[in-house]
Protein backbone atom coordinates (compact mmCIF):
# COMPACT_ATOMS: atom_id res chain seq x y z
CA MET A 1 -15.86 -10.58 5.13
CA SER A 2 -12.46 -11.14 3.50
CA ASP A 3 -13.96 -12.26 0.19
CA SER A 4 -16.24 -9.23 0.20
CA ALA A 5 -13.38 -6.82 0.96
CA ASP A 6 -11.15 -8.38 -1.70
CA ALA A 7 -13.91 -8.16 -4.29
CA LEU A 8 -14.56 -4.53 -3.37
CA GLU A 9 -10.86 -3.69 -3.66
CA GLU A 10 -10.87 -5.13 -7.18
CA ARG A 11 -14.03 -3.15 -8.01
CA ILE A 12 -12.50 0.06 -6.64
CA SER A 13 -9.38 -0.46 -8.75
CA ALA A 14 -11.48 -1.14 -11.86
CA LEU A 15 -13.65 1.91 -11.25
CA ARG A 16 -10.61 4.15 -10.80
CA GLY A 17 -9.32 2.99 -14.17
CA ALA A 18 -12.73 3.54 -15.75
CA VAL A 19 -12.91 7.08 -14.36
CA ARG A 20 -9.47 7.89 -15.77
CA ARG A 21 -10.44 6.56 -19.18
CA ALA A 22 -13.70 8.51 -19.17
CA VAL A 23 -11.92 11.73 -18.22
CA SER A 24 -9.20 11.16 -20.83
CA GLY A 25 -11.88 10.52 -23.43
CA GLY A 26 -13.72 13.70 -22.55
CA ASP A 27 -16.86 11.90 -21.38
CA ARG A 28 -17.58 14.00 -18.31
CA ALA A 29 -21.09 12.59 -17.79
CA ALA A 30 -19.78 9.03 -17.63
CA ALA A 31 -16.95 10.15 -15.34
CA ARG A 32 -19.44 11.68 -12.89
CA GLN A 33 -21.53 8.51 -12.83
CA LEU A 34 -18.46 6.38 -12.31
CA ARG A 35 -17.28 8.62 -9.47
CA VAL A 36 -20.60 8.07 -7.70
CA GLN A 37 -20.15 4.31 -8.05
CA LEU A 38 -16.55 4.60 -6.86
CA ARG A 39 -17.49 6.57 -3.75
CA GLN A 40 -20.12 3.97 -2.88
CA ALA A 41 -17.68 1.13 -3.42
CA GLU A 42 -15.15 2.81 -1.12
CA LYS A 43 -17.83 3.28 1.54
CA ASP A 44 -18.80 -0.39 1.18
CA TRP A 45 -15.12 -1.38 1.53
CA GLU A 46 -14.82 0.65 4.72
CA ALA A 47 -17.93 -1.04 6.09
CA ALA A 48 -16.66 -4.51 5.13
CA VAL A 49 -13.26 -3.97 6.73
CA LEU A 50 -14.23 -1.95 9.78
CA GLY A 51 -17.76 -3.13 10.37
CA GLY A 52 -19.17 0.37 10.04
CA GLY A 53 -19.41 3.40 7.81
CA GLY A 54 -16.23 4.86 6.39
CA ASP A 55 -14.83 8.28 5.67
CA THR A 56 -12.46 8.71 2.76
CA GLY A 57 -11.90 12.39 3.34
CA GLU A 58 -10.43 14.58 6.04
CA ASN A 59 -10.68 13.35 9.62
CA GLU A 60 -14.21 14.29 10.64
CA GLY A 61 -16.11 13.47 13.77
CA ALA A 62 -15.76 10.59 16.17
CA THR A 63 -15.53 7.00 14.95
CA PRO A 64 -15.63 3.77 16.91
CA ALA A 65 -12.26 2.54 18.16
CA VAL A 66 -10.78 -0.07 15.84
CA PRO A 67 -7.62 -2.18 16.10
CA VAL A 68 -4.38 -0.54 14.99
CA ARG A 69 -3.91 -3.26 12.38
CA GLU A 70 -7.11 -2.11 10.65
CA HIS A 71 -5.81 1.45 10.42
CA VAL A 72 -2.51 0.21 9.00
CA HIS A 73 -4.37 -2.01 6.54
CA ARG A 74 -6.32 0.97 5.21
CA ALA A 75 -3.20 3.09 4.70
CA LEU A 76 -1.22 0.28 3.05
CA THR A 77 -4.15 -0.62 0.79
CA LEU A 78 -4.35 2.97 -0.41
CA LEU A 79 -0.59 3.20 -1.02
CA SER A 80 -0.42 -0.35 -2.48
CA VAL A 81 3.32 -0.60 -1.66
CA PRO A 82 5.41 -1.43 1.43
CA ALA A 83 5.76 1.57 3.72
CA ALA A 84 7.51 2.71 6.88
CA PRO A 85 5.51 3.58 10.00
CA ARG A 86 6.05 7.32 9.51
CA LEU A 87 4.50 7.23 6.04
CA ILE A 88 1.65 5.04 7.25
CA LEU A 89 0.90 7.54 9.99
CA SER A 90 0.98 10.46 7.55
CA VAL A 91 -1.32 8.75 5.07
CA HIS A 92 -3.72 7.73 7.81
CA GLU A 93 -3.84 11.26 9.19
CA GLY A 94 -4.31 12.79 5.76
CA PHE A 95 -6.90 10.43 4.31
CA PHE A 96 -8.70 8.51 7.04
CA SER A 97 -10.49 9.02 10.32
CA GLY A 98 -9.75 7.50 13.70
CA GLU A 99 -6.73 7.68 15.97
CA LEU A 100 -3.48 5.92 15.13
CA VAL A 101 -0.69 6.30 17.71
CA ALA A 102 2.91 5.88 16.55
CA ALA A 103 3.92 3.91 19.62
CA ARG A 104 1.37 1.23 18.81
CA LEU A 105 3.08 0.44 15.51
CA THR A 106 6.31 -0.59 17.21
CA SER A 107 5.25 -4.10 18.14
CA LEU A 108 2.58 -4.62 15.50
CA ARG A 109 4.55 -6.92 13.22
CA ARG A 110 5.77 -9.03 16.13
CA ASP A 111 2.19 -9.38 17.34
CA GLU A 112 1.04 -10.30 13.83
CA GLU A 113 3.80 -12.90 13.46
CA ARG A 114 2.94 -14.39 16.86
CA SER A 115 -0.71 -14.56 15.88
CA PHE A 116 0.07 -16.20 12.54
CA LYS A 117 2.33 -18.84 14.08
CA GLY A 118 -0.31 -19.59 16.71
CA ALA A 119 -3.09 -20.02 14.15
CA PRO A 120 -1.85 -19.79 10.54
CA PHE A 121 -4.19 -18.04 8.09
CA ALA A 122 -6.90 -17.65 10.72
CA ARG A 123 -7.28 -13.97 9.80
CA PRO A 124 -8.24 -12.53 6.41
CA TYR A 125 -4.92 -10.69 6.27
CA TYR A 126 -1.78 -9.99 8.31
CA VAL A 127 0.40 -6.91 8.51
CA CYS A 128 3.72 -8.52 7.66
CA SER A 129 7.26 -7.57 6.67
CA ALA A 130 8.67 -6.50 3.36
CA LEU A 131 11.56 -8.81 2.48
CA THR A 132 14.97 -7.93 1.06
CA VAL A 133 15.89 -9.28 -2.38
CA ASP A 134 19.27 -10.61 -1.27
CA LEU A 135 18.71 -12.28 2.08
CA LEU A 136 14.91 -12.66 2.09
CA ALA A 137 15.13 -11.12 5.55
CA PRO A 138 12.73 -8.55 7.03
CA ALA A 139 13.40 -5.15 5.47
CA ARG A 140 13.98 -2.82 8.37
CA GLY A 141 10.98 -0.68 9.15
CA LEU A 142 8.87 -1.62 6.11
CA MET A 143 5.39 -3.04 6.51
CA ALA A 144 3.39 -4.90 3.89
CA LEU A 145 0.19 -6.92 3.61
CA SER A 146 0.03 -10.70 3.46
CA THR A 147 -2.60 -10.53 0.69
CA TRP A 148 -0.13 -8.93 -1.72
CA PRO A 149 1.77 -11.17 -4.15
CA MET A 150 5.29 -12.06 -3.08
CA GLU A 151 6.97 -9.82 -5.67
CA ARG A 152 5.19 -6.77 -4.25
CA ARG A 153 6.39 -7.58 -0.75
CA ILE A 154 10.05 -7.87 -1.77
CA VAL A 155 12.25 -4.76 -2.01
CA GLY A 156 15.52 -4.26 -3.84
CA PRO A 157 17.95 -1.39 -4.52
CA LEU A 158 15.50 0.48 -6.78
CA SER A 159 12.34 -0.33 -4.85
CA ALA A 160 12.39 2.63 -2.48
CA ARG A 161 12.14 5.06 -5.39
CA VAL A 162 9.74 2.92 -7.40
CA ASP A 163 7.45 2.47 -4.41
CA LEU A 164 7.53 6.18 -3.60
CA LEU A 165 6.48 7.02 -7.15
CA THR A 166 3.81 4.32 -7.12
CA GLY A 167 2.44 5.54 -3.80
CA VAL A 168 2.40 9.15 -5.02
CA ILE A 169 0.41 8.11 -8.09
CA ARG A 170 -2.07 6.19 -5.93
CA LEU A 171 -2.60 9.12 -3.58
CA ALA A 172 -2.94 11.62 -6.43
CA GLU A 173 -5.48 9.38 -8.18
CA HIS A 174 -7.40 9.01 -4.94
CA ILE A 175 -7.57 12.78 -4.45
CA SER A 176 -8.53 13.33 -8.08
CA VAL A 177 -11.32 10.77 -8.03
CA VAL A 178 -12.73 11.21 -4.54
CA GLY A 179 -12.63 14.99 -4.63
CA LYS A 180 -13.18 15.23 -0.87
CA VAL A 181 -9.78 15.43 0.74
CA GLY A 182 -8.83 18.18 3.14
CA PRO A 183 -5.61 20.18 3.48
CA SER A 184 -3.75 17.44 5.35
CA GLY A 185 -4.21 15.00 2.46
CA HIS A 186 -2.86 17.53 -0.01
CA ARG A 187 0.01 18.26 2.37
CA VAL A 188 1.00 14.58 2.42
CA LEU A 189 0.96 14.41 -1.37
CA ARG A 190 2.89 17.66 -1.69
CA GLN A 191 5.62 16.42 0.66
CA LEU A 192 5.94 13.04 -1.05
CA SER A 193 6.04 14.51 -4.55
CA SER A 194 8.51 17.29 -3.75
CA THR A 195 11.49 15.27 -5.06
CA ILE A 196 9.88 14.34 -8.38
CA PRO A 197 11.26 16.35 -11.32
CA GLY A 198 8.63 18.47 -13.03
CA VAL A 199 6.32 18.79 -10.03
CA ARG A 200 5.57 22.33 -8.93
CA SER A 201 3.35 23.05 -5.97
CA SER A 202 1.63 26.31 -5.15
CA GLY A 203 -1.20 27.00 -2.76
CA LEU A 204 -2.90 24.48 -0.52
CA GLU A 205 -4.08 22.05 -3.18
CA VAL A 206 -1.85 19.95 -5.40
CA ASP A 207 -2.25 19.67 -9.17
CA THR A 208 -2.89 15.94 -9.15
CA ASP A 209 -2.77 15.56 -12.94
CA ALA A 210 0.69 17.12 -13.07
CA VAL A 211 1.89 14.95 -10.19
CA ILE A 212 0.60 11.77 -11.84
CA GLU A 213 2.23 12.62 -15.17
CA ALA A 214 5.59 13.51 -13.61
CA ALA A 215 5.60 10.41 -11.38
CA ARG A 216 4.72 8.12 -14.28
CA ASN A 217 7.47 9.62 -16.41
CA GLU A 218 10.12 8.88 -13.79
CA LEU A 219 8.60 5.52 -12.91
CA SER A 220 9.01 4.36 -16.51
CA VAL A 221 12.78 4.80 -16.11
CA HIS A 222 13.17 2.53 -13.07
CA ARG A 223 10.22 0.15 -13.14
CA ASP A 224 11.42 -2.61 -15.49
CA ALA A 225 14.72 -3.17 -13.70
CA ASP A 226 13.01 -3.14 -10.31
CA VAL A 227 10.28 -5.54 -11.41
CA GLY A 228 12.91 -7.95 -12.73
CA GLN A 229 14.83 -7.98 -9.46
CA ARG A 230 11.70 -8.45 -7.38
CA TRP A 231 10.35 -11.21 -9.62
CA GLU A 232 13.58 -13.19 -9.49
CA ALA A 233 13.75 -12.84 -5.71
CA ALA A 234 10.09 -13.84 -5.38
CA GLN A 235 10.70 -17.08 -7.27
CA ARG A 236 13.69 -17.79 -5.03
CA ALA A 237 11.65 -17.02 -1.91
CA VAL A 238 8.89 -19.43 -2.89
CA ALA A 239 11.47 -22.15 -3.52
CA GLN A 240 13.61 -21.56 -0.42
CA LEU A 241 11.13 -20.44 2.21
CA THR A 242 8.96 -23.50 2.67
CA ASP A 243 7.66 -22.21 6.01
CA PRO A 244 4.61 -19.96 5.36
CA ALA A 245 5.59 -17.77 8.31
CA ALA A 246 9.00 -17.14 6.74
CA GLN A 247 7.34 -16.11 3.47
CA LEU A 248 5.39 -13.44 5.33
CA PHE A 249 7.80 -12.32 8.03
CA GLY A 250 11.19 -13.23 6.57
CA THR A 251 14.01 -15.40 7.71
CA ARG A 252 17.15 -14.73 9.67
CA PHE A 253 20.52 -14.15 8.03
CA GLY A 254 22.05 -17.41 9.24
CA MET A 255 19.18 -19.51 7.96
CA THR A 256 19.36 -17.97 4.51
CA GLN A 257 23.10 -18.50 4.35
CA ARG A 258 22.67 -22.17 5.25
CA GLN A 259 20.00 -22.52 2.57
CA ARG A 260 22.31 -20.99 -0.01
CA ALA A 261 25.18 -23.23 1.05
CA GLY A 262 22.94 -26.25 0.81
CA GLY A 263 21.80 -25.20 -2.65
CA SER A 264 25.38 -24.72 -3.79
CA ALA A 265 26.42 -28.10 -2.41
CA GLY A 266 23.59 -29.74 -4.32
């Protein structure tokens, strides 16, 4: 199942890019065909991950109960960046079906860490911690996915803004391509994009093209510096954190300090 889901995620990403290129090139017929393929790929991804049919639009109808980690996985996959529980809840409510209760997120990472330590890599993925660039410690309140590369799971001083802009672009692209998102999805995007210069919102629906352009413009200002900080920290994390659990869930302050002292002594 994990190989299938990973392959489908890559196909979805490729199809989204193809749709954008077709629209930019004025080939509406190709864009419509690609959208059909994209919708099917997203339905197939939902089935692969949840074991049943999916719904990429507004919450509609009853769906079988699924583990909270699956709901979080869907929201984080859509955002593609580390996120706090409040944002995960908002994205889930706006774009997916099924019930996700805030209280159940409180112990999720601890449960995931316990599961990983009991049987490492037994699951296709784990909901893990984002790590700080300085201490390689768990970033407070930020969740990530174990399948992401290390540099995406590390956050630095600029990462909060960069990840917000990246998440906004992802949500806007999703709305633009899927074309079946209800008012709550647009509300989430409107709230997240409200601090981006050049974004104006009127009515219930958001101008996704304008949001994407404005977010990309600001992202270009911060991205290179942020990527550099994350990449450097990722290389350090791979070298210092030899325990796979520490690479996913972070290390404690004292341990990192001892590692640094040992490196300096050497």
